N, C-alpha and C. Protein backbone atom coordinates (compact mmCIF):
# COMPACT_ATOMS: atom_id res chain seq x y z
N MET A 1 64.80 47.37 67.29
CA MET A 1 65.97 46.56 66.25
C MET A 1 66.45 45.50 66.51
N THR A 2 66.70 45.48 65.47
CA THR A 2 67.60 43.95 65.42
C THR A 2 68.84 43.97 65.94
N ILE A 3 69.15 43.01 66.23
CA ILE A 3 70.81 42.81 66.42
C ILE A 3 71.41 43.17 65.31
N LYS A 4 71.29 42.65 64.06
CA LYS A 4 71.96 42.84 62.39
C LYS A 4 72.15 44.50 62.43
N LYS A 5 70.75 45.07 63.28
CA LYS A 5 71.16 46.57 62.62
C LYS A 5 71.67 47.16 63.21
N ARG A 6 71.13 46.86 64.28
CA ARG A 6 72.60 47.56 65.74
C ARG A 6 74.33 46.99 65.70
N SER A 7 74.83 46.11 64.80
CA SER A 7 75.56 46.29 64.79
C SER A 7 76.50 46.29 64.01
N LYS A 8 76.06 46.95 62.71
CA LYS A 8 76.06 47.67 61.49
C LYS A 8 76.15 49.01 61.68
N LEU A 9 75.84 49.56 62.74
CA LEU A 9 75.57 51.24 63.42
C LEU A 9 77.04 51.06 64.25
N LEU A 10 76.76 50.40 65.04
CA LEU A 10 78.23 50.70 65.52
C LEU A 10 79.19 50.18 64.77
N LYS A 11 79.45 49.21 63.99
CA LYS A 11 80.77 49.79 62.78
C LYS A 11 81.05 51.04 62.26
N PHE A 12 79.30 52.00 61.95
CA PHE A 12 79.41 53.78 61.73
C PHE A 12 80.47 54.41 62.75
N ILE A 13 80.55 53.94 63.88
CA ILE A 13 80.44 55.03 64.88
C ILE A 13 81.33 55.07 64.73
N PRO A 14 82.51 53.90 65.03
CA PRO A 14 84.18 54.74 64.75
C PRO A 14 84.49 55.49 63.96
N VAL A 15 84.25 55.27 62.53
CA VAL A 15 84.56 55.45 61.28
C VAL A 15 83.78 57.11 61.64
N LEU A 16 83.01 57.80 61.76
CA LEU A 16 82.24 59.24 62.40
C LEU A 16 83.00 59.82 63.58
N ALA A 17 83.36 58.82 64.63
CA ALA A 17 84.54 59.88 64.76
C ALA A 17 85.97 60.12 64.64
N PHE A 18 86.44 59.34 63.93
CA PHE A 18 87.69 59.47 63.24
C PHE A 18 87.50 60.71 62.62
N LEU A 19 86.18 60.47 61.60
CA LEU A 19 86.59 61.63 60.82
C LEU A 19 86.06 63.21 61.03
N ILE A 20 85.24 63.09 62.25
CA ILE A 20 84.96 64.75 63.38
C ILE A 20 86.58 64.85 63.90
N VAL A 21 87.10 63.85 64.15
CA VAL A 21 89.09 64.25 64.54
C VAL A 21 89.68 64.75 63.49
N LEU A 22 90.03 64.36 62.35
CA LEU A 22 90.23 64.86 61.63
C LEU A 22 89.95 65.88 60.61
N GLY A 23 88.60 65.89 61.08
CA GLY A 23 87.75 67.69 60.43
C GLY A 23 88.35 68.49 61.19
N SER A 24 88.74 68.25 63.05
CA SER A 24 88.93 69.54 63.42
C SER A 24 90.49 69.27 63.74
N CYS A 25 91.77 69.06 63.15
CA CYS A 25 92.73 69.18 62.34
C CYS A 25 92.78 70.69 62.04
N SER A 26 94.03 71.25 62.29
CA SER A 26 93.81 72.41 61.18
C SER A 26 95.56 72.02 60.57
N LYS A 27 95.98 72.66 59.05
CA LYS A 27 96.81 72.46 58.77
C LYS A 27 97.71 74.29 59.06
N SER A 28 97.21 75.22 59.62
CA SER A 28 97.68 76.09 59.75
C SER A 28 99.07 76.43 61.06
N GLU A 29 99.47 77.16 60.89
CA GLU A 29 100.42 77.13 62.07
C GLU A 29 100.05 78.04 63.02
N PRO A 30 100.93 77.25 64.16
CA PRO A 30 100.42 77.48 65.59
C PRO A 30 100.44 78.81 66.34
N THR A 31 99.64 79.46 66.85
CA THR A 31 99.36 81.05 66.74
C THR A 31 100.52 81.50 67.37
N ALA A 32 101.49 82.26 67.56
CA ALA A 32 102.72 82.85 68.52
C ALA A 32 102.37 82.64 69.61
N VAL A 33 102.97 83.37 70.47
CA VAL A 33 103.18 83.80 71.74
C VAL A 33 103.06 84.86 71.74
N GLU A 34 102.15 85.90 72.25
CA GLU A 34 101.86 87.01 72.60
C GLU A 34 102.95 87.59 74.00
N PRO A 35 103.81 88.39 73.83
CA PRO A 35 104.68 88.73 74.75
C PRO A 35 103.90 89.42 76.06
N GLU A 36 104.54 89.48 76.79
CA GLU A 36 103.56 90.10 78.23
C GLU A 36 103.93 91.37 78.34
N PRO A 37 102.87 92.21 78.10
CA PRO A 37 103.33 93.63 78.58
C PRO A 37 104.23 94.44 78.68
N ASP A 38 104.25 95.59 78.19
CA ASP A 38 105.76 96.67 79.34
C ASP A 38 104.98 96.72 80.71
N PRO A 39 105.46 96.21 81.47
CA PRO A 39 105.62 96.61 83.09
C PRO A 39 105.89 98.45 83.09
N VAL A 40 104.45 98.74 83.66
CA VAL A 40 104.33 99.98 83.98
C VAL A 40 105.56 100.74 84.82
N ALA A 41 105.67 101.57 84.20
CA ALA A 41 107.09 102.85 84.77
C ALA A 41 106.81 104.05 85.78
N PRO A 42 107.42 103.65 87.07
CA PRO A 42 107.02 104.69 88.01
C PRO A 42 106.92 106.47 87.36
N GLU A 43 106.21 107.30 87.37
CA GLU A 43 105.99 108.62 86.92
C GLU A 43 107.16 109.47 87.77
N ALA A 44 107.80 109.06 88.57
CA ALA A 44 108.80 109.86 89.47
C ALA A 44 110.37 109.26 89.44
N MET A 45 110.97 109.78 89.31
CA MET A 45 112.53 109.22 89.88
C MET A 45 112.38 108.90 90.71
N PHE A 46 113.37 107.29 91.12
CA PHE A 46 113.74 106.89 91.97
C PHE A 46 114.69 106.49 92.48
N ASN A 47 115.38 106.94 93.67
CA ASN A 47 116.82 105.57 94.38
C ASN A 47 116.08 104.83 95.29
N ARG A 48 117.20 103.52 94.78
CA ARG A 48 116.84 102.95 96.13
C ARG A 48 118.03 102.40 96.18
N LEU A 49 118.04 101.00 96.79
CA LEU A 49 119.59 100.65 97.71
C LEU A 49 119.07 98.32 96.78
N ILE A 50 119.34 98.43 95.75
CA ILE A 50 118.74 96.77 95.09
C ILE A 50 120.12 96.10 95.37
N THR A 51 120.11 95.27 96.21
CA THR A 51 120.46 93.94 96.77
C THR A 51 120.77 92.52 95.59
N VAL A 52 121.82 91.78 94.84
CA VAL A 52 121.23 91.18 94.15
C VAL A 52 122.61 89.55 94.54
N LYS A 53 122.06 89.17 94.89
CA LYS A 53 122.50 87.82 96.07
C LYS A 53 122.13 85.84 94.69
N ASN A 54 123.11 85.45 95.19
CA ASN A 54 123.36 84.43 94.53
C ASN A 54 122.70 84.34 93.23
N PHE A 55 123.19 85.36 92.15
CA PHE A 55 122.35 84.91 91.21
C PHE A 55 123.56 84.35 90.15
N GLY A 56 122.88 84.28 89.39
CA GLY A 56 123.59 83.09 88.55
C GLY A 56 122.11 81.97 87.93
N GLU A 57 122.64 81.84 86.42
CA GLU A 57 122.39 80.49 85.68
C GLU A 57 123.27 79.34 85.61
N ASP A 58 122.27 78.64 85.08
CA ASP A 58 123.07 77.22 85.60
C ASP A 58 123.47 76.91 83.73
N LEU A 59 125.16 76.98 83.69
CA LEU A 59 125.71 76.86 82.16
C LEU A 59 125.17 75.58 81.55
N PRO A 60 124.72 75.97 79.72
CA PRO A 60 124.51 74.57 78.66
C PRO A 60 125.09 72.98 79.71
N ALA A 61 124.38 72.28 78.98
CA ALA A 61 124.77 70.51 78.94
C ALA A 61 126.70 71.27 78.22
N GLY A 62 127.46 70.75 78.81
CA GLY A 62 128.82 70.13 78.39
C GLY A 62 129.68 71.91 78.36
N SER A 63 129.25 73.03 79.27
CA SER A 63 130.41 74.31 78.64
C SER A 63 130.52 74.10 80.07
N ALA A 64 132.16 73.87 79.36
CA ALA A 64 132.64 75.33 80.98
C ALA A 64 133.25 76.28 81.52
N THR A 65 133.02 76.84 82.96
CA THR A 65 132.97 77.70 83.16
C THR A 65 133.88 78.73 82.82
N THR A 66 134.84 77.93 82.38
CA THR A 66 135.85 79.01 81.98
C THR A 66 136.09 79.35 80.04
N THR A 67 135.04 79.61 79.84
CA THR A 67 134.55 79.63 78.34
C THR A 67 133.52 80.29 78.41
N ALA A 68 133.79 81.31 76.87
CA ALA A 68 132.58 82.85 77.32
C ALA A 68 131.17 81.91 77.13
N GLN A 69 130.18 82.59 77.85
CA GLN A 69 129.03 82.42 78.07
C GLN A 69 128.14 83.30 77.31
N SER A 70 126.85 82.77 76.86
CA SER A 70 125.96 83.88 76.15
C SER A 70 125.22 84.50 77.61
N PRO A 71 124.87 86.10 77.62
CA PRO A 71 124.40 87.20 78.95
C PRO A 71 123.66 85.89 79.20
N ILE A 72 123.67 87.18 80.25
CA ILE A 72 122.76 87.04 81.09
C ILE A 72 121.94 88.42 80.96
N TYR A 73 120.10 89.11 80.79
CA TYR A 73 119.89 90.76 80.59
C TYR A 73 119.46 90.17 82.47
N TYR A 74 119.24 91.35 82.97
CA TYR A 74 118.59 91.73 84.14
C TYR A 74 118.40 93.05 84.15
N SER A 75 116.94 93.02 85.36
CA SER A 75 115.77 93.88 84.97
C SER A 75 116.29 94.42 86.98
N LEU A 76 116.92 95.28 86.65
CA LEU A 76 116.95 96.46 87.87
C LEU A 76 114.82 96.37 88.95
N GLU A 77 115.01 96.88 87.43
CA GLU A 77 113.47 97.25 87.96
C GLU A 77 112.69 95.82 88.93
N GLN A 78 112.67 94.96 87.93
CA GLN A 78 112.31 94.13 88.77
C GLN A 78 112.91 93.16 90.00
N ASN A 79 114.14 93.20 89.78
CA ASN A 79 115.41 92.34 90.26
C ASN A 79 115.91 91.22 90.19
N LYS A 80 115.00 90.36 89.15
CA LYS A 80 115.42 89.05 88.65
C LYS A 80 116.23 89.62 86.63
N ALA A 81 116.77 87.96 86.45
CA ALA A 81 116.73 87.90 84.85
C ALA A 81 115.37 88.41 83.88
N VAL A 82 115.78 88.63 83.03
CA VAL A 82 114.24 88.21 81.89
C VAL A 82 115.36 87.70 80.76
N THR A 83 114.22 86.81 80.29
CA THR A 83 114.36 85.93 78.61
C THR A 83 115.41 86.69 77.83
N PRO A 84 115.94 86.53 76.89
CA PRO A 84 116.71 86.99 76.01
C PRO A 84 116.26 87.06 75.16
N ASP A 85 114.49 87.13 74.77
CA ASP A 85 113.68 87.21 73.41
C ASP A 85 113.27 88.61 73.96
N TYR A 86 113.73 89.13 74.92
CA TYR A 86 113.86 90.85 75.45
C TYR A 86 114.81 91.49 75.02
N LYS A 87 116.05 91.09 74.99
CA LYS A 87 117.01 91.59 74.10
C LYS A 87 117.04 92.97 73.79
N LEU A 88 115.91 93.40 72.74
CA LEU A 88 115.85 94.49 71.96
C LEU A 88 115.32 95.03 72.68
N THR A 89 114.42 95.03 73.48
CA THR A 89 113.48 95.75 74.72
C THR A 89 114.52 96.97 75.77
N ALA A 90 113.51 97.79 76.33
CA ALA A 90 114.45 98.22 77.78
C ALA A 90 113.47 97.60 79.36
N ARG A 91 113.34 96.56 78.91
CA ARG A 91 112.96 95.24 79.99
C ARG A 91 114.13 94.77 80.49
N TRP A 92 115.24 95.40 80.31
CA TRP A 92 116.57 95.17 81.42
C TRP A 92 117.24 96.30 81.07
N ASP A 93 118.36 95.88 82.03
CA ASP A 93 119.24 96.90 82.95
C ASP A 93 121.06 96.93 82.11
N ILE A 94 121.27 95.70 83.00
CA ILE A 94 122.83 95.37 82.70
C ILE A 94 122.92 93.43 82.11
N SER A 95 123.81 93.40 81.78
CA SER A 95 123.57 91.57 80.76
C SER A 95 125.74 91.65 82.10
N CYS A 96 125.39 90.70 81.74
CA CYS A 96 126.48 89.59 82.92
C CYS A 96 127.01 88.45 81.24
N SER A 97 128.63 88.39 81.18
CA SER A 97 129.08 87.64 79.72
C SER A 97 130.27 87.47 80.05
N GLU A 98 130.68 86.81 78.79
CA GLU A 98 132.00 86.68 78.91
C GLU A 98 132.17 84.99 79.89
N ILE A 99 133.62 85.12 80.36
CA ILE A 99 133.90 84.04 81.70
C ILE A 99 133.58 84.07 82.31
N TYR A 100 132.31 83.37 82.61
CA TYR A 100 132.63 83.15 84.58
C TYR A 100 130.90 84.63 84.04
N ARG A 101 130.99 84.43 83.15
CA ARG A 101 129.74 85.77 82.87
C ARG A 101 129.53 86.84 84.00
N SER A 102 131.14 87.08 84.09
CA SER A 102 131.50 88.55 84.99
C SER A 102 131.98 89.19 83.87
N PHE A 103 130.96 89.84 82.98
CA PHE A 103 132.10 90.69 81.89
C PHE A 103 130.44 91.89 82.32
N ILE A 104 130.27 92.56 82.91
CA ILE A 104 128.98 93.15 83.11
C ILE A 104 129.08 94.43 82.12
N ASN A 105 127.52 95.29 80.82
CA ASN A 105 127.50 96.12 80.54
C ASN A 105 126.40 96.35 80.52
N CYS A 106 125.76 97.75 80.27
CA CYS A 106 123.75 98.39 79.66
C CYS A 106 123.44 98.01 79.30
N ASN A 107 122.50 98.06 78.54
CA ASN A 107 121.45 98.27 77.85
C ASN A 107 121.07 99.10 77.27
N ASN A 108 122.31 100.03 76.02
CA ASN A 108 122.23 101.04 75.31
C ASN A 108 122.17 100.64 73.51
N THR A 109 121.01 101.66 73.10
CA THR A 109 120.55 101.58 71.89
C THR A 109 121.70 101.18 70.78
N ALA A 110 122.74 102.38 71.38
CA ALA A 110 124.39 102.45 70.35
C ALA A 110 125.19 101.45 70.24
N ASN A 111 125.23 100.42 71.63
CA ASN A 111 126.42 99.41 71.67
C ASN A 111 125.67 98.78 72.65
N GLY A 112 126.66 97.64 72.17
CA GLY A 112 127.04 95.95 73.32
C GLY A 112 125.45 95.39 73.03
N PHE A 113 124.67 94.86 73.49
CA PHE A 113 124.07 94.08 73.23
C PHE A 113 122.37 94.65 72.73
N GLY A 114 122.19 95.52 73.86
CA GLY A 114 121.25 96.28 73.10
C GLY A 114 121.05 97.52 72.22
N LYS A 115 122.05 96.97 71.51
CA LYS A 115 121.64 98.08 69.88
C LYS A 115 121.30 97.06 69.09
N GLY A 116 120.23 99.13 68.71
CA GLY A 116 119.67 98.15 67.99
C GLY A 116 118.03 98.91 68.61
N GLY A 117 117.86 98.54 69.72
CA GLY A 117 117.15 98.72 70.98
C GLY A 117 116.55 100.14 71.05
N PRO A 118 115.45 99.92 72.05
CA PRO A 118 115.22 101.04 73.16
C PRO A 118 116.32 101.46 74.09
N GLY A 119 117.25 100.88 74.16
CA GLY A 119 117.20 101.46 76.03
C GLY A 119 118.40 102.38 75.77
N LYS A 120 118.28 103.03 77.29
CA LYS A 120 119.55 103.93 76.83
C LYS A 120 120.64 104.30 78.46
N GLY A 121 120.40 103.27 79.03
CA GLY A 121 121.18 103.11 79.89
C GLY A 121 122.47 103.18 79.83
N GLY A 122 123.95 103.79 81.35
CA GLY A 122 124.48 103.42 80.93
C GLY A 122 124.95 102.91 82.22
N ILE A 123 126.89 102.80 82.55
CA ILE A 123 127.02 102.58 83.50
C ILE A 123 128.36 102.68 83.79
N LEU A 124 128.80 103.06 84.79
CA LEU A 124 130.10 103.47 85.33
C LEU A 124 130.49 102.35 86.54
N ILE A 125 131.42 102.38 87.18
CA ILE A 125 132.25 101.86 87.62
C ILE A 125 132.98 102.46 88.84
N VAL A 126 132.32 102.80 89.95
CA VAL A 126 132.95 104.30 90.89
C VAL A 126 133.98 103.62 91.76
N LYS A 127 134.85 103.95 92.21
CA LYS A 127 136.03 103.06 93.02
C LYS A 127 136.27 104.44 93.82
N LYS A 128 134.88 103.73 95.00
CA LYS A 128 134.90 104.64 96.34
C LYS A 128 134.38 103.72 96.86
N LYS A 129 134.34 103.54 97.94
CA LYS A 129 133.10 102.52 98.96
C LYS A 129 132.57 103.17 98.92
N PHE A 130 130.80 102.24 99.07
CA PHE A 130 129.95 102.58 98.89
C PHE A 130 129.28 103.36 99.28
N GLU A 131 129.65 103.77 101.09
CA GLU A 131 129.19 104.83 101.75
C GLU A 131 130.15 106.11 101.66
N ASP A 132 130.79 106.35 100.58
CA ASP A 132 131.73 107.49 100.47
C ASP A 132 130.64 108.22 99.15
N VAL A 133 129.97 107.26 98.90
CA VAL A 133 129.55 108.20 97.71
C VAL A 133 128.23 108.39 97.90
N ILE A 134 128.42 110.11 97.29
CA ILE A 134 126.87 110.99 97.65
C ILE A 134 126.41 111.54 96.77
N ASP A 135 127.36 111.20 95.49
CA ASP A 135 126.86 112.91 94.97
C ASP A 135 126.78 111.58 92.74
N ILE A 136 126.28 112.10 92.18
CA ILE A 136 125.93 111.72 91.24
C ILE A 136 126.22 111.77 89.75
N PRO A 137 127.53 110.74 89.43
CA PRO A 137 128.23 111.60 88.74
C PRO A 137 127.90 112.04 87.74
N SER A 138 128.53 113.07 86.93
CA SER A 138 128.19 113.53 85.67
C SER A 138 128.02 112.23 84.19
N ASP A 139 127.07 112.92 83.58
CA ASP A 139 125.99 111.59 82.39
C ASP A 139 127.12 111.20 81.49
N ALA A 140 128.48 112.22 81.36
CA ALA A 140 129.56 112.09 80.31
C ALA A 140 130.55 111.75 81.04
N GLU A 141 130.40 110.43 81.91
CA GLU A 141 131.35 109.44 82.68
C GLU A 141 130.90 108.28 82.70
N PHE A 142 129.40 108.04 82.19
CA PHE A 142 129.07 107.00 82.17
C PHE A 142 129.40 106.47 80.66
N ARG A 143 129.60 104.98 80.49
CA ARG A 143 129.90 104.29 79.15
C ARG A 143 128.36 103.96 78.66
N LYS A 144 128.28 103.68 77.61
CA LYS A 144 127.40 104.08 77.00
C LYS A 144 126.80 102.71 75.58
N GLY A 145 127.56 101.48 76.95
CA GLY A 145 127.78 100.55 75.96
C GLY A 145 129.21 100.11 75.35
N GLU A 146 129.94 100.98 74.86
CA GLU A 146 130.75 101.02 73.77
C GLU A 146 131.62 99.31 74.14
N LYS A 147 132.29 99.31 75.78
CA LYS A 147 132.67 98.45 76.27
C LYS A 147 132.59 97.53 77.46
N ALA A 148 132.23 96.65 77.54
CA ALA A 148 131.88 96.18 79.41
C ALA A 148 133.05 96.53 80.59
N TYR A 149 132.56 96.02 81.59
CA TYR A 149 133.49 96.44 82.28
C TYR A 149 134.01 95.08 82.59
N GLY A 150 134.85 93.94 83.03
CA GLY A 150 135.08 93.15 83.06
C GLY A 150 136.70 92.54 83.93
N THR A 151 136.80 91.46 84.20
CA THR A 151 138.08 90.91 84.91
C THR A 151 139.31 90.87 84.49
N ASP A 152 140.05 91.07 84.64
CA ASP A 152 141.64 90.64 83.70
C ASP A 152 142.41 89.26 84.13
N ASP A 153 143.67 89.51 83.72
CA ASP A 153 144.01 87.70 83.71
C ASP A 153 143.91 87.44 85.53
N SER A 154 144.22 88.60 85.87
CA SER A 154 144.17 88.50 87.89
C SER A 154 143.16 88.86 88.55
N GLY A 155 141.73 88.88 87.80
CA GLY A 155 140.99 88.86 88.74
C GLY A 155 140.68 90.65 88.84
N ALA A 156 141.02 90.83 88.63
CA ALA A 156 140.69 92.86 89.26
C ALA A 156 139.94 93.18 88.15
N LEU A 157 139.19 93.95 88.39
CA LEU A 157 138.43 94.68 87.51
C LEU A 157 138.48 95.70 86.47
N GLU A 158 138.18 95.85 85.52
CA GLU A 158 139.01 96.87 84.05
C GLU A 158 137.85 96.80 83.29
N LYS A 159 138.10 98.15 82.02
CA LYS A 159 137.29 98.31 81.15
C LYS A 159 138.06 97.46 80.37
N VAL A 160 137.50 96.28 79.39
CA VAL A 160 137.75 95.84 78.06
C VAL A 160 137.10 96.02 76.87
């Protein structure tokens, strides 16, 4: 092969590479990220002590702690916060929101942040020492998300 033919061939290689790259591009929308599968729920009921320590998330940049904050959704089963994308799922149990994220509520299909989802939770503040609680309160005593529990101006816990 002569030098002239080789140089002509070398000129077409970048053009050919560009066409191959251009042809591999697609105008279609990117595929949606599939949510992870629901965790397998245990068959039997269980009671266990769950300790949550140093729970919280950084506030958005420029946000003051004394302003209402977006909720954090917490799974007691996984003992960790879950993404807000799971708001209308049964993957979380309690939410922490509002000022200092000190208002707590449950995941329930009828009310609150879980309204319209499959949540069936209830929440109750028992005014006894932990070691003095020996009986489970009746279902009628639990709030079903109608109102959160939060702090009043003096910092005392109240239904709001």
